[in-house]
Amino acid sequence: MDECLALANIGTSINLMLLFVWEGLSLSELTPTCMTIELADRSVSKPIGIAKDVSVKV
């Protein structure tokens, strides 16, 4: 596995979603990632993938 060395802050935000919710929506496949995210409450999340260009109905 490749080593992830840094995450650039380019002024964007991310949203986390529970895996079972994502699977229940039957959307596109996730792109694997080796990212570790520290949240505002100091808890740590290790996402299994990244979804891009997902349409959201408001």
PDB file of N, CA and C in Angstrom:
ATOM      1  N   MET A   1       0.847  -1.174   0.000  1.00  0.00           N
ATOM      2  CA  MET A   1       0.000   0.000   0.000  1.00  0.00           C
ATOM      3  C   MET A   1       0.893   1.238   0.000  1.00  0.00           C
ATOM      4  N   ASP A   2       0.498   2.254  -0.748  1.00  0.00           N
ATOM      5  CA  ASP A   2       1.241   3.507  -0.775  1.00  0.00           C
ATOM      6  C   ASP A   2       1.054   4.256   0.539  1.00  0.00           C
ATOM      7  N   GLU A   3       2.062   5.003   0.919  1.00  0.00           N
ATOM      8  CA  GLU A   3       2.003   5.778   2.151  1.00  0.00           C
ATOM      9  C   GLU A   3       1.447   7.166   1.865  1.00  0.00           C
ATOM     10  N   CYS A   4       0.461   7.581   2.658  1.00  0.00           N
ATOM     11  CA  CYS A   4      -0.090   8.929   2.531  1.00  0.00           C
ATOM     12  C   CYS A   4       0.689   9.844   3.462  1.00  0.00           C
ATOM     13  N   LEU A   5       1.245  10.916   2.930  1.00  0.00           N
ATOM     14  CA  LEU A   5       2.108  11.778   3.722  1.00  0.00           C
ATOM     15  C   LEU A   5       1.448  13.067   4.183  1.00  0.00           C
ATOM     16  N   ALA A   6       0.478  13.601   3.448  1.00  0.00           N
ATOM     17  CA  ALA A   6      -0.099  14.886   3.834  1.00  0.00           C
ATOM     18  C   ALA A   6      -1.462  15.078   3.189  1.00  0.00           C
ATOM     19  N   LEU A   7      -2.234  15.972   3.779  1.00  0.00           N
ATOM     20  CA  LEU A   7      -3.525  16.374   3.232  1.00  0.00           C
ATOM     21  C   LEU A   7      -3.494  17.894   3.133  1.00  0.00           C
ATOM     22  N   ALA A   8      -3.624  18.420   1.945  1.00  0.00           N
ATOM     23  CA  ALA A   8      -3.548  19.872   1.744  1.00  0.00           C
ATOM     24  C   ALA A   8      -4.865  20.532   2.127  1.00  0.00           C
ATOM     25  N   ASN A   9      -4.798  21.668   2.787  1.00  0.00           N
ATOM     26  CA  ASN A   9      -5.982  22.444   3.126  1.00  0.00           C
ATOM     27  C   ASN A   9      -6.211  23.446   2.006  1.00  0.00           C
ATOM     28  N   ILE A  10      -7.177  23.148   1.147  1.00  0.00           N
ATOM     29  CA  ILE A  10      -7.473  24.043   0.026  1.00  0.00           C
ATOM     30  C   ILE A  10      -8.843  24.700   0.191  1.00  0.00           C
ATOM     31  N   GLY A  11      -9.304  24.771   1.439  1.00  0.00           N
ATOM     32  CA  GLY A  11     -10.545  25.464   1.727  1.00  0.00           C
ATOM     33  C   GLY A  11     -11.801  24.670   1.414  1.00  0.00           C
ATOM     34  N   THR A  12     -11.694  23.385   1.229  1.00  0.00           N
ATOM     35  CA  THR A  12     -12.863  22.565   0.960  1.00  0.00           C
ATOM     36  C   THR A  12     -13.290  21.846   2.225  1.00  0.00           C
ATOM     37  N   SER A  13     -14.466  21.276   2.196  1.00  0.00           N
ATOM     38  CA  SER A  13     -14.946  20.523   3.348  1.00  0.00           C
ATOM     39  C   SER A  13     -15.274  19.097   2.924  1.00  0.00           C
ATOM     40  N   ILE A  14     -15.406  18.231   3.907  1.00  0.00           N
ATOM     41  CA  ILE A  14     -15.767  16.845   3.639  1.00  0.00           C
ATOM     42  C   ILE A  14     -16.993  16.491   4.462  1.00  0.00           C
ATOM     43  N   ASN A  15     -17.674  15.453   4.056  1.00  0.00           N
ATOM     44  CA  ASN A  15     -18.808  14.929   4.798  1.00  0.00           C
ATOM     45  C   ASN A  15     -18.586  13.442   4.986  1.00  0.00           C
ATOM     46  N   LEU A  16     -18.818  12.953   6.202  1.00  0.00           N
ATOM     47  CA  LEU A  16     -18.694  11.530   6.489  1.00  0.00           C
ATOM     48  C   LEU A  16     -20.079  10.908   6.506  1.00  0.00           C
ATOM     49  N   MET A  17     -20.165   9.673   6.035  1.00  0.00           N
ATOM     50  CA  MET A  17     -21.424   8.946   6.025  1.00  0.00           C
ATOM     51  C   MET A  17     -21.148   7.520   6.491  1.00  0.00           C
ATOM     52  N   LEU A  18     -22.034   6.969   7.289  1.00  0.00           N
ATOM     53  CA  LEU A  18     -21.883   5.585   7.710  1.00  0.00           C
ATOM     54  C   LEU A  18     -21.921   4.664   6.495  1.00  0.00           C
ATOM     55  N   LEU A  19     -21.092   3.620   6.517  1.00  0.00           N
ATOM     56  CA  LEU A  19     -20.989   2.719   5.375  1.00  0.00           C
ATOM     57  C   LEU A  19     -22.318   2.039   5.064  1.00  0.00           C
ATOM     58  N   PHE A  20     -23.054   1.606   6.078  1.00  0.00           N
ATOM     59  CA  PHE A  20     -24.309   0.911   5.800  1.00  0.00           C
ATOM     60  C   PHE A  20     -25.333   1.847   5.150  1.00  0.00           C
ATOM     61  N   VAL A  21     -25.256   3.140   5.442  1.00  0.00           N
ATOM     62  CA  VAL A  21     -26.143   4.108   4.789  1.00  0.00           C
ATOM     63  C   VAL A  21     -25.766   4.223   3.318  1.00  0.00           C
ATOM     64  N   TRP A  22     -24.462   4.350   3.026  1.00  0.00           N
ATOM     65  CA  TRP A  22     -23.979   4.438   1.643  1.00  0.00           C
ATOM     66  C   TRP A  22     -24.409   3.203   0.856  1.00  0.00           C
ATOM     67  N   GLU A  23     -24.206   2.027   1.438  1.00  0.00           N
ATOM     68  CA  GLU A  23     -24.574   0.782   0.754  1.00  0.00           C
ATOM     69  C   GLU A  23     -26.079   0.712   0.518  1.00  0.00           C
ATOM     70  N   GLY A  24     -26.866   1.218   1.467  1.00  0.00           N
ATOM     71  CA  GLY A  24     -28.317   1.215   1.328  1.00  0.00           C
ATOM     72  C   GLY A  24     -28.816   2.117   0.210  1.00  0.00           C
ATOM     73  N   LEU A  25     -28.046   3.140  -0.131  1.00  0.00           N
ATOM     74  CA  LEU A  25     -28.428   4.055  -1.202  1.00  0.00           C
ATOM     75  C   LEU A  25     -28.103   3.509  -2.587  1.00  0.00           C
ATOM     76  N   SER A  26     -27.321   2.438  -2.650  1.00  0.00           N
ATOM     77  CA  SER A  26     -26.936   1.794  -3.921  1.00  0.00           C
ATOM     78  C   SER A  26     -26.343   2.795  -4.911  1.00  0.00           C
ATOM     79  N   LEU A  27     -25.400   3.582  -4.439  1.00  0.00           N
ATOM     80  CA  LEU A  27     -24.739   4.560  -5.295  1.00  0.00           C
ATOM     81  C   LEU A  27     -23.453   3.977  -5.855  1.00  0.00           C
ATOM     82  N   SER A  28     -22.643   4.820  -6.478  1.00  0.00           N
ATOM     83  CA  SER A  28     -21.418   4.368  -7.139  1.00  0.00           C
ATOM     84  C   SER A  28     -20.426   3.751  -6.152  1.00  0.00           C
ATOM     85  N   GLU A  29     -19.426   3.086  -6.709  1.00  0.00           N
ATOM     86  CA  GLU A  29     -18.371   2.490  -5.896  1.00  0.00           C
ATOM     87  C   GLU A  29     -17.510   3.581  -5.261  1.00  0.00           C
ATOM     88  N   LEU A  30     -16.925   3.268  -4.119  1.00  0.00           N
ATOM     89  CA  LEU A  30     -16.028   4.197  -3.443  1.00  0.00           C
ATOM     90  C   LEU A  30     -14.598   3.975  -3.924  1.00  0.00           C
ATOM     91  N   THR A  31     -13.837   5.060  -4.028  1.00  0.00           N
ATOM     92  CA  THR A  31     -12.417   4.977  -4.350  1.00  0.00           C
ATOM     93  C   THR A  31     -11.669   4.747  -3.041  1.00  0.00           C
ATOM     94  N   PRO A  32     -10.890   3.666  -2.919  1.00  0.00           N
ATOM     95  CA  PRO A  32     -10.183   3.379  -1.662  1.00  0.00           C
ATOM     96  C   PRO A  32      -9.272   4.533  -1.235  1.00  0.00           C
ATOM     97  N   THR A  33      -9.109   4.685   0.080  1.00  0.00           N
ATOM     98  CA  THR A  33      -8.246   5.734   0.626  1.00  0.00           C
ATOM     99  C   THR A  33      -7.529   5.226   1.872  1.00  0.00           C
ATOM    100  N   CYS A  34      -6.398   5.815   2.176  1.00  0.00           N
ATOM    101  CA  CYS A  34      -5.661   5.472   3.402  1.00  0.00           C
ATOM    102  C   CYS A  34      -5.641   6.673   4.347  1.00  0.00           C
ATOM    103  N   MET A  35      -6.685   7.476   4.301  1.00  0.00           N
ATOM    104  CA  MET A  35      -6.788   8.713   5.065  1.00  0.00           C
ATOM    105  C   MET A  35      -7.231   8.431   6.507  1.00  0.00           C
ATOM    106  N   THR A  36      -6.720   9.196   7.449  1.00  0.00           N
ATOM    107  CA  THR A  36      -7.192   9.202   8.829  1.00  0.00           C
ATOM    108  C   THR A  36      -7.604  10.634   9.142  1.00  0.00           C
ATOM    109  N   ILE A  37      -8.808  10.803   9.684  1.00  0.00           N
ATOM    110  CA  ILE A  37      -9.345  12.139   9.940  1.00  0.00           C
ATOM    111  C   ILE A  37      -9.572  12.317  11.436  1.00  0.00           C
ATOM    112  N   GLU A  38      -9.052  13.410  11.989  1.00  0.00           N
ATOM    113  CA  GLU A  38      -9.335  13.750  13.377  1.00  0.00           C
ATOM    114  C   GLU A  38     -10.454  14.785  13.376  1.00  0.00           C
ATOM    115  N   LEU A  39     -11.551  14.466  14.049  1.00  0.00           N
ATOM    116  CA  LEU A  39     -12.725  15.330  14.069  1.00  0.00           C
ATOM    117  C   LEU A  39     -12.607  16.387  15.164  1.00  0.00           C
ATOM    118  N   ALA A  40     -13.533  17.332  15.176  1.00  0.00           N
ATOM    119  CA  ALA A  40     -13.491  18.449  16.120  1.00  0.00           C
ATOM    120  C   ALA A  40     -13.524  17.982  17.572  1.00  0.00           C
ATOM    121  N   ASP A  41     -14.185  16.856  17.848  1.00  0.00           N
ATOM    122  CA  ASP A  41     -14.253  16.346  19.223  1.00  0.00           C
ATOM    123  C   ASP A  41     -13.067  15.442  19.571  1.00  0.00           C
ATOM    124  N   ARG A  42     -12.046  15.460  18.723  1.00  0.00           N
ATOM    125  CA  ARG A  42     -10.803  14.699  18.880  1.00  0.00           C
ATOM    126  C   ARG A  42     -10.959  13.204  18.617  1.00  0.00           C
ATOM    127  N   SER A  43     -12.125  12.755  18.179  1.00  0.00           N
ATOM    128  CA  SER A  43     -12.271  11.358  17.782  1.00  0.00           C
ATOM    129  C   SER A  43     -11.622  11.176  16.413  1.00  0.00           C
ATOM    130  N   VAL A  44     -11.277   9.934  16.087  1.00  0.00           N
ATOM    131  CA  VAL A  44     -10.575   9.642  14.841  1.00  0.00           C
ATOM    132  C   VAL A  44     -11.451   8.757  13.963  1.00  0.00           C
ATOM    133  N   SER A  45     -11.504   9.078  12.687  1.00  0.00           N
ATOM    134  CA  SER A  45     -12.261   8.302  11.708  1.00  0.00           C
ATOM    135  C   SER A  45     -11.315   7.846  10.610  1.00  0.00           C
ATOM    136  N   LYS A  46     -11.486   6.595  10.174  1.00  0.00           N
ATOM    137  CA  LYS A  46     -10.672   6.057   9.084  1.00  0.00           C
ATOM    138  C   LYS A  46     -11.607   5.640   7.947  1.00  0.00           C
ATOM    139  N   PRO A  47     -11.917   6.567   7.043  1.00  0.00           N
ATOM    140  CA  PRO A  47     -12.818   6.263   5.927  1.00  0.00           C
ATOM    141  C   PRO A  47     -12.268   5.132   5.062  1.00  0.00           C
ATOM    142  N   ILE A  48     -13.171   4.306   4.511  1.00  0.00           N
ATOM    143  CA  ILE A  48     -12.714   3.230   3.633  1.00  0.00           C
ATOM    144  C   ILE A  48     -12.693   3.660   2.180  1.00  0.00           C
ATOM    145  N   GLY A  49     -13.335   4.790   1.871  1.00  0.00           N
ATOM    146  CA  GLY A  49     -13.344   5.228   0.483  1.00  0.00           C
ATOM    147  C   GLY A  49     -13.833   6.646   0.319  1.00  0.00           C
ATOM    148  N   ILE A  50     -13.707   7.126  -0.909  1.00  0.00           N
ATOM    149  CA  ILE A  50     -14.110   8.483  -1.266  1.00  0.00           C
ATOM    150  C   ILE A  50     -15.129   8.412  -2.397  1.00  0.00           C
ATOM    151  N   ALA A  51     -16.205   9.169  -2.273  1.00  0.00           N
ATOM    152  CA  ALA A  51     -17.203   9.291  -3.336  1.00  0.00           C
ATOM    153  C   ALA A  51     -17.054  10.678  -3.950  1.00  0.00           C
ATOM    154  N   LYS A  52     -17.095  10.743  -5.259  1.00  0.00           N
ATOM    155  CA  LYS A  52     -16.960  12.034  -5.942  1.00  0.00           C
ATOM    156  C   LYS A  52     -18.161  12.276  -6.839  1.00  0.00           C
ATOM    157  N   ASP A  53     -18.516  13.544  -7.005  1.00  0.00           N
ATOM    158  CA  ASP A  53     -19.582  13.970  -7.916  1.00  0.00           C
ATOM    159  C   ASP A  53     -20.895  13.233  -7.662  1.00  0.00           C
ATOM    160  N   VAL A  54     -21.357  13.272  -6.422  1.00  0.00           N
ATOM    161  CA  VAL A  54     -22.618  12.637  -6.052  1.00  0.00           C
ATOM    162  C   VAL A  54     -23.714  13.692  -6.103  1.00  0.00           C
ATOM    163  N   SER A  55     -24.746  13.454  -6.885  1.00  0.00           N
ATOM    164  CA  SER A  55     -25.870  14.391  -6.983  1.00  0.00           C
ATOM    165  C   SER A  55     -26.748  14.266  -5.747  1.00  0.00           C
ATOM    166  N   VAL A  56     -27.183  15.410  -5.224  1.00  0.00           N
ATOM    167  CA  VAL A  56     -28.008  15.441  -4.027  1.00  0.00           C
ATOM    168  C   VAL A  56     -29.263  16.238  -4.328  1.00  0.00           C
ATOM    169  N   LYS A  57     -30.433  15.654  -4.050  1.00  0.00           N
ATOM    170  CA  LYS A  57     -31.693  16.358  -4.250  1.00  0.00           C
ATOM    171  C   LYS A  57     -32.014  17.135  -2.979  1.00  0.00           C
ATOM    172  N   VAL A  58     -32.283  18.434  -3.141  1.00  0.00           N
ATOM    173  CA  VAL A  58     -32.560  19.295  -1.985  1.00  0.00           C
ATOM    174  C   VAL A  58     -34.021  19.650  -1.959  1.00  0.00           C
TER     175      VAL A  58
END
